[in-house]
Amino acid sequence: MSPTTALFIELDELSNFLVALGYASTVVDSAYEIVEQLNALQNLASSQTEFLTQREEERVEIVTNLTK
């Protein structure tokens, strides 16, 4: 194999590796965005749970006061 052919093959393999690395980077970026969205949804669910718990406690207190 001539040095030129070997260099071309090396560059082709390097090019394929860089393409694969680019795809992997895109997958990692997408996964990171998904994790961020899931964290935001978890925070929202936690806030809503606290809010609804407080509302339920207030409702129970009002009903208790009305039945006295």
PDB file of N, CA and C in Angstrom:
ATOM      1  N   MET A   1       0.858  -1.170   0.000  1.00  0.00           N
ATOM      2  CA  MET A   1       0.000   0.000   0.000  1.00  0.00           C
ATOM      3  C   MET A   1       0.905   1.233   0.000  1.00  0.00           C
ATOM      4  N   SER A   2       0.560   2.149  -0.866  1.00  0.00           N
ATOM      5  CA  SER A   2       1.381   3.357  -0.957  1.00  0.00           C
ATOM      6  C   SER A   2       1.088   4.276   0.234  1.00  0.00           C
ATOM      7  N   PRO A   3       2.007   5.130   0.583  1.00  0.00           N
ATOM      8  CA  PRO A   3       1.779   6.070   1.687  1.00  0.00           C
ATOM      9  C   PRO A   3       0.579   6.971   1.437  1.00  0.00           C
ATOM     10  N   THR A   4       0.344   7.338   0.183  1.00  0.00           N
ATOM     11  CA  THR A   4      -0.806   8.185  -0.141  1.00  0.00           C
ATOM     12  C   THR A   4      -2.107   7.448   0.145  1.00  0.00           C
ATOM     13  N   THR A   5      -2.176   6.179  -0.249  1.00  0.00           N
ATOM     14  CA  THR A   5      -3.373   5.372   0.005  1.00  0.00           C
ATOM     15  C   THR A   5      -3.582   5.188   1.498  1.00  0.00           C
ATOM     16  N   ALA A   6      -2.494   4.908   2.212  1.00  0.00           N
ATOM     17  CA  ALA A   6      -2.595   4.727   3.666  1.00  0.00           C
ATOM     18  C   ALA A   6      -3.086   6.006   4.329  1.00  0.00           C
ATOM     19  N   LEU A   7      -2.565   7.145   3.880  1.00  0.00           N
ATOM     20  CA  LEU A   7      -2.992   8.427   4.441  1.00  0.00           C
ATOM     21  C   LEU A   7      -4.467   8.668   4.152  1.00  0.00           C
ATOM     22  N   PHE A   8      -4.905   8.352   2.925  1.00  0.00           N
ATOM     23  CA  PHE A   8      -6.313   8.527   2.569  1.00  0.00           C
ATOM     24  C   PHE A   8      -7.204   7.662   3.453  1.00  0.00           C
ATOM     25  N   ILE A   9      -6.799   6.411   3.676  1.00  0.00           N
ATOM     26  CA  ILE A   9      -7.584   5.505   4.521  1.00  0.00           C
ATOM     27  C   ILE A   9      -7.635   6.038   5.948  1.00  0.00           C
ATOM     28  N   GLU A  10      -6.483   6.528   6.452  1.00  0.00           N
ATOM     29  CA  GLU A  10      -6.444   7.091   7.805  1.00  0.00           C
ATOM     30  C   GLU A  10      -7.380   8.299   7.903  1.00  0.00           C
ATOM     31  N   LEU A  11      -7.343   9.169   6.898  1.00  0.00           N
ATOM     32  CA  LEU A  11      -8.208  10.348   6.907  1.00  0.00           C
ATOM     33  C   LEU A  11      -9.674   9.954   6.810  1.00  0.00           C
ATOM     34  N   ASP A  12      -9.970   8.931   6.018  1.00  0.00           N
ATOM     35  CA  ASP A  12     -11.345   8.454   5.895  1.00  0.00           C
ATOM     36  C   ASP A  12     -11.835   7.902   7.235  1.00  0.00           C
ATOM     37  N   GLU A  13     -10.979   7.117   7.898  1.00  0.00           N
ATOM     38  CA  GLU A  13     -11.353   6.577   9.206  1.00  0.00           C
ATOM     39  C   GLU A  13     -11.517   7.693  10.229  1.00  0.00           C
ATOM     40  N   LEU A  14     -10.632   8.680  10.183  1.00  0.00           N
ATOM     41  CA  LEU A  14     -10.732   9.823  11.085  1.00  0.00           C
ATOM     42  C   LEU A  14     -12.022  10.593  10.827  1.00  0.00           C
ATOM     43  N   SER A  15     -12.353  10.757   9.557  1.00  0.00           N
ATOM     44  CA  SER A  15     -13.590  11.445   9.195  1.00  0.00           C
ATOM     45  C   SER A  15     -14.803  10.695   9.735  1.00  0.00           C
ATOM     46  N   ASN A  16     -14.809   9.380   9.577  1.00  0.00           N
ATOM     47  CA  ASN A  16     -15.916   8.574  10.111  1.00  0.00           C
ATOM     48  C   ASN A  16     -16.002   8.691  11.623  1.00  0.00           C
ATOM     49  N   PHE A  17     -14.853   8.696  12.281  1.00  0.00           N
ATOM     50  CA  PHE A  17     -14.825   8.840  13.732  1.00  0.00           C
ATOM     51  C   PHE A  17     -15.397  10.188  14.153  1.00  0.00           C
ATOM     52  N   LEU A  18     -15.015  11.251  13.445  1.00  0.00           N
ATOM     53  CA  LEU A  18     -15.513  12.585  13.783  1.00  0.00           C
ATOM     54  C   LEU A  18     -17.019  12.691  13.558  1.00  0.00           C
ATOM     55  N   VAL A  19     -17.519  12.051  12.517  1.00  0.00           N
ATOM     56  CA  VAL A  19     -18.964  12.030  12.278  1.00  0.00           C
ATOM     57  C   VAL A  19     -19.661  11.313  13.427  1.00  0.00           C
ATOM     58  N   ALA A  20     -19.122  10.161  13.827  1.00  0.00           N
ATOM     59  CA  ALA A  20     -19.711   9.412  14.943  1.00  0.00           C
ATOM     60  C   ALA A  20     -19.642  10.225  16.225  1.00  0.00           C
ATOM     61  N   LEU A  21     -18.544  10.924  16.426  1.00  0.00           N
ATOM     62  CA  LEU A  21     -18.400  11.765  17.606  1.00  0.00           C
ATOM     63  C   LEU A  21     -19.429  12.893  17.596  1.00  0.00           C
ATOM     64  N   GLY A  22     -19.686  13.448  16.428  1.00  0.00           N
ATOM     65  CA  GLY A  22     -20.709  14.490  16.301  1.00  0.00           C
ATOM     66  C   GLY A  22     -22.085  13.961  16.647  1.00  0.00           C
ATOM     67  N   TYR A  23     -22.412  12.756  16.165  1.00  0.00           N
ATOM     68  CA  TYR A  23     -23.694  12.146  16.509  1.00  0.00           C
ATOM     69  C   TYR A  23     -23.789  11.895  18.005  1.00  0.00           C
ATOM     70  N   ALA A  24     -22.704  11.401  18.595  1.00  0.00           N
ATOM     71  CA  ALA A  24     -22.697  11.132  20.037  1.00  0.00           C
ATOM     72  C   ALA A  24     -22.892  12.426  20.814  1.00  0.00           C
ATOM     73  N   SER A  25     -22.263  13.485  20.364  1.00  0.00           N
ATOM     74  CA  SER A  25     -22.408  14.781  21.026  1.00  0.00           C
ATOM     75  C   SER A  25     -23.854  15.263  20.959  1.00  0.00           C
ATOM     76  N   THR A  26     -24.489  15.070  19.815  1.00  0.00           N
ATOM     77  CA  THR A  26     -25.893  15.455  19.658  1.00  0.00           C
ATOM     78  C   THR A  26     -26.787  14.650  20.591  1.00  0.00           C
ATOM     79  N   VAL A  27     -26.508  13.361  20.703  1.00  0.00           N
ATOM     80  CA  VAL A  27     -27.294  12.504  21.599  1.00  0.00           C
ATOM     81  C   VAL A  27     -27.121  12.954  23.044  1.00  0.00           C
ATOM     82  N   VAL A  28     -25.890  13.259  23.435  1.00  0.00           N
ATOM     83  CA  VAL A  28     -25.631  13.716  24.805  1.00  0.00           C
ATOM     84  C   VAL A  28     -26.336  15.041  25.061  1.00  0.00           C
ATOM     85  N   ASP A  29     -26.271  15.961  24.105  1.00  0.00           N
ATOM     86  CA  ASP A  29     -26.959  17.245  24.261  1.00  0.00           C
ATOM     87  C   ASP A  29     -28.464  17.044  24.408  1.00  0.00           C
ATOM     88  N   SER A  30     -29.036  16.163  23.602  1.00  0.00           N
ATOM     89  CA  SER A  30     -30.472  15.880  23.684  1.00  0.00           C
ATOM     90  C   SER A  30     -30.824  15.259  25.028  1.00  0.00           C
ATOM     91  N   ALA A  31     -29.993  14.335  25.486  1.00  0.00           N
ATOM     92  CA  ALA A  31     -30.240  13.702  26.784  1.00  0.00           C
ATOM     93  C   ALA A  31     -30.172  14.738  27.897  1.00  0.00           C
ATOM     94  N   TYR A  32     -29.231  15.659  27.816  1.00  0.00           N
ATOM     95  CA  TYR A  32     -29.100  16.713  28.821  1.00  0.00           C
ATOM     96  C   TYR A  32     -30.356  17.586  28.840  1.00  0.00           C
ATOM     97  N   GLU A  33     -30.859  17.942  27.663  1.00  0.00           N
ATOM     98  CA  GLU A  33     -32.080  18.745  27.585  1.00  0.00           C
ATOM     99  C   GLU A  33     -33.270  17.996  28.181  1.00  0.00           C
ATOM    100  N   ILE A  34     -33.355  16.704  27.923  1.00  0.00           N
ATOM    101  CA  ILE A  34     -34.444  15.893  28.479  1.00  0.00           C
ATOM    102  C   ILE A  34     -34.357  15.871  30.001  1.00  0.00           C
ATOM    103  N   VAL A  35     -33.152  15.691  30.528  1.00  0.00           N
ATOM    104  CA  VAL A  35     -32.968  15.682  31.985  1.00  0.00           C
ATOM    105  C   VAL A  35     -33.367  17.029  32.574  1.00  0.00           C
ATOM    106  N   GLU A  36     -32.978  18.116  31.927  1.00  0.00           N
ATOM    107  CA  GLU A  36     -33.353  19.449  32.404  1.00  0.00           C
ATOM    108  C   GLU A  36     -34.874  19.621  32.421  1.00  0.00           C
ATOM    109  N   GLN A  37     -35.552  19.145  31.380  1.00  0.00           N
ATOM    110  CA  GLN A  37     -37.010  19.242  31.328  1.00  0.00           C
ATOM    111  C   GLN A  37     -37.654  18.388  32.407  1.00  0.00           C
ATOM    112  N   LEU A  38     -37.112  17.202  32.637  1.00  0.00           N
ATOM    113  CA  LEU A  38     -37.648  16.342  33.690  1.00  0.00           C
ATOM    114  C   LEU A  38     -37.450  16.971  35.064  1.00  0.00           C
ATOM    115  N   ASN A  39     -36.308  17.606  35.285  1.00  0.00           N
ATOM    116  CA  ASN A  39     -36.083  18.300  36.555  1.00  0.00           C
ATOM    117  C   ASN A  39     -37.070  19.447  36.733  1.00  0.00           C
ATOM    118  N   ALA A  40     -37.330  20.177  35.659  1.00  0.00           N
ATOM    119  CA  ALA A  40     -38.298  21.272  35.726  1.00  0.00           C
ATOM    120  C   ALA A  40     -39.692  20.738  36.034  1.00  0.00           C
ATOM    121  N   LEU A  41     -40.065  19.625  35.410  1.00  0.00           N
ATOM    122  CA  LEU A  41     -41.374  19.023  35.689  1.00  0.00           C
ATOM    123  C   LEU A  41     -41.458  18.519  37.125  1.00  0.00           C
ATOM    124  N   GLN A  42     -40.365  17.974  37.633  1.00  0.00           N
ATOM    125  CA  GLN A  42     -40.345  17.506  39.020  1.00  0.00           C
ATOM    126  C   GLN A  42     -40.527  18.685  39.976  1.00  0.00           C
ATOM    127  N   ASN A  43     -39.851  19.793  39.701  1.00  0.00           N
ATOM    128  CA  ASN A  43     -40.007  20.986  40.535  1.00  0.00           C
ATOM    129  C   ASN A  43     -41.432  21.516  40.469  1.00  0.00           C
ATOM    130  N   LEU A  44     -42.017  21.516  39.283  1.00  0.00           N
ATOM    131  CA  LEU A  44     -43.396  21.967  39.129  1.00  0.00           C
ATOM    132  C   LEU A  44     -44.346  21.063  39.898  1.00  0.00           C
ATOM    133  N   ALA A  45     -44.155  19.759  39.789  1.00  0.00           N
ATOM    134  CA  ALA A  45     -45.012  18.812  40.507  1.00  0.00           C
ATOM    135  C   ALA A  45     -44.888  19.007  42.009  1.00  0.00           C
ATOM    136  N   SER A  46     -43.685  19.247  42.482  1.00  0.00           N
ATOM    137  CA  SER A  46     -43.469  19.473  43.914  1.00  0.00           C
ATOM    138  C   SER A  46     -44.177  20.744  44.369  1.00  0.00           C
ATOM    139  N   SER A  47     -44.047  21.806  43.580  1.00  0.00           N
ATOM    140  CA  SER A  47     -44.719  23.070  43.915  1.00  0.00           C
ATOM    141  C   SER A  47     -46.229  22.902  43.920  1.00  0.00           C
ATOM    142  N   GLN A  48     -46.746  22.203  42.928  1.00  0.00           N
ATOM    143  CA  GLN A  48     -48.186  21.984  42.849  1.00  0.00           C
ATOM    144  C   GLN A  48     -48.679  21.135  44.014  1.00  0.00           C
ATOM    145  N   THR A  49     -47.891  20.145  44.407  1.00  0.00           N
ATOM    146  CA  THR A  49     -48.271  19.303  45.541  1.00  0.00           C
ATOM    147  C   THR A  49     -48.345  20.135  46.812  1.00  0.00           C
ATOM    148  N   GLU A  50     -47.347  20.988  47.029  1.00  0.00           N
ATOM    149  CA  GLU A  50     -47.363  21.862  48.204  1.00  0.00           C
ATOM    150  C   GLU A  50     -48.573  22.791  48.167  1.00  0.00           C
ATOM    151  N   PHE A  51     -48.836  23.373  47.011  1.00  0.00           N
ATOM    152  CA  PHE A  51     -49.965  24.289  46.866  1.00  0.00           C
ATOM    153  C   PHE A  51     -51.284  23.577  47.148  1.00  0.00           C
ATOM    154  N   LEU A  52     -51.469  22.398  46.554  1.00  0.00           N
ATOM    155  CA  LEU A  52     -52.721  21.664  46.744  1.00  0.00           C
ATOM    156  C   LEU A  52     -52.874  21.167  48.181  1.00  0.00           C
ATOM    157  N   THR A  53     -51.777  20.794  48.806  1.00  0.00           N
ATOM    158  CA  THR A  53     -51.833  20.379  50.211  1.00  0.00           C
ATOM    159  C   THR A  53     -52.276  21.543  51.088  1.00  0.00           C
ATOM    160  N   GLN A  54     -51.719  22.705  50.839  1.00  0.00           N
ATOM    161  CA  GLN A  54     -52.104  23.896  51.599  1.00  0.00           C
ATOM    162  C   GLN A  54     -53.573  24.234  51.361  1.00  0.00           C
ATOM    163  N   ARG A  55     -54.008  24.168  50.113  1.00  0.00           N
ATOM    164  CA  ARG A  55     -55.422  24.451  49.810  1.00  0.00           C
ATOM    165  C   ARG A  55     -56.344  23.464  50.517  1.00  0.00           C
ATOM    166  N   GLU A  56     -55.963  22.186  50.549  1.00  0.00           N
ATOM    167  CA  GLU A  56     -56.784  21.170  51.207  1.00  0.00           C
ATOM    168  C   GLU A  56     -56.846  21.429  52.706  1.00  0.00           C
ATOM    169  N   GLU A  57     -55.724  21.806  53.308  1.00  0.00           N
ATOM    170  CA  GLU A  57     -55.727  22.122  54.737  1.00  0.00           C
ATOM    171  C   GLU A  57     -56.635  23.314  55.022  1.00  0.00           C
ATOM    172  N   GLU A  58     -56.580  24.322  54.171  1.00  0.00           N
ATOM    173  CA  GLU A  58     -57.454  25.485  54.333  1.00  0.00           C
ATOM    174  C   GLU A  58     -58.916  25.091  54.161  1.00  0.00           C
ATOM    175  N   ARG A  59     -59.199  24.219  53.197  1.00  0.00           N
ATOM    176  CA  ARG A  59     -60.575  23.768  52.976  1.00  0.00           C
ATOM    177  C   ARG A  59     -61.095  23.022  54.192  1.00  0.00           C
ATOM    178  N   VAL A  60     -60.282  22.142  54.739  1.00  0.00           N
ATOM    179  CA  VAL A  60     -60.690  21.380  55.925  1.00  0.00           C
ATOM    180  C   VAL A  60     -60.942  22.326  57.088  1.00  0.00           C
ATOM    181  N   GLU A  61     -60.094  23.323  57.247  1.00  0.00           N
ATOM    182  CA  GLU A  61     -60.274  24.295  58.328  1.00  0.00           C
ATOM    183  C   GLU A  61     -61.577  25.069  58.148  1.00  0.00           C
ATOM    184  N   ILE A  62     -61.877  25.475  56.928  1.00  0.00           N
ATOM    185  CA  ILE A  62     -63.122  26.210  56.662  1.00  0.00           C
ATOM    186  C   ILE A  62     -64.331  25.334  56.953  1.00  0.00           C
ATOM    187  N   VAL A  63     -64.307  24.095  56.487  1.00  0.00           N
ATOM    188  CA  VAL A  63     -65.424  23.179  56.729  1.00  0.00           C
ATOM    189  C   VAL A  63     -65.590  22.939  58.222  1.00  0.00           C
ATOM    190  N   THR A  64     -64.487  22.771  58.929  1.00  0.00           N
ATOM    191  CA  THR A  64     -64.546  22.563  60.378  1.00  0.00           C
ATOM    192  C   THR A  64     -65.164  23.774  61.058  1.00  0.00           C
ATOM    193  N   ASN A  65     -64.760  24.962  60.662  1.00  0.00           N
ATOM    194  CA  ASN A  65     -65.308  26.184  61.260  1.00  0.00           C
ATOM    195  C   ASN A  65     -66.789  26.353  60.928  1.00  0.00           C
ATOM    196  N   LEU A  66     -67.209  25.933  59.765  1.00  0.00           N
ATOM    197  CA  LEU A  66     -68.617  26.062  59.380  1.00  0.00           C
ATOM    198  C   LEU A  66     -69.506  25.081  60.133  1.00  0.00           C
ATOM    199  N   THR A  67     -68.962  23.953  60.525  1.00  0.00           N
ATOM    200  CA  THR A  67     -69.776  22.944  61.210  1.00  0.00           C
ATOM    201  C   THR A  67     -69.787  23.131  62.721  1.00  0.00           C
ATOM    202  N   LYS A  68     -69.084  24.109  63.237  1.00  0.00           N
ATOM    203  CA  LYS A  68     -69.084  24.356  64.691  1.00  0.00           C
ATOM    204  C   LYS A  68     -70.323  25.098  65.099  1.00  0.00           C
TER     205      LYS A  68
END
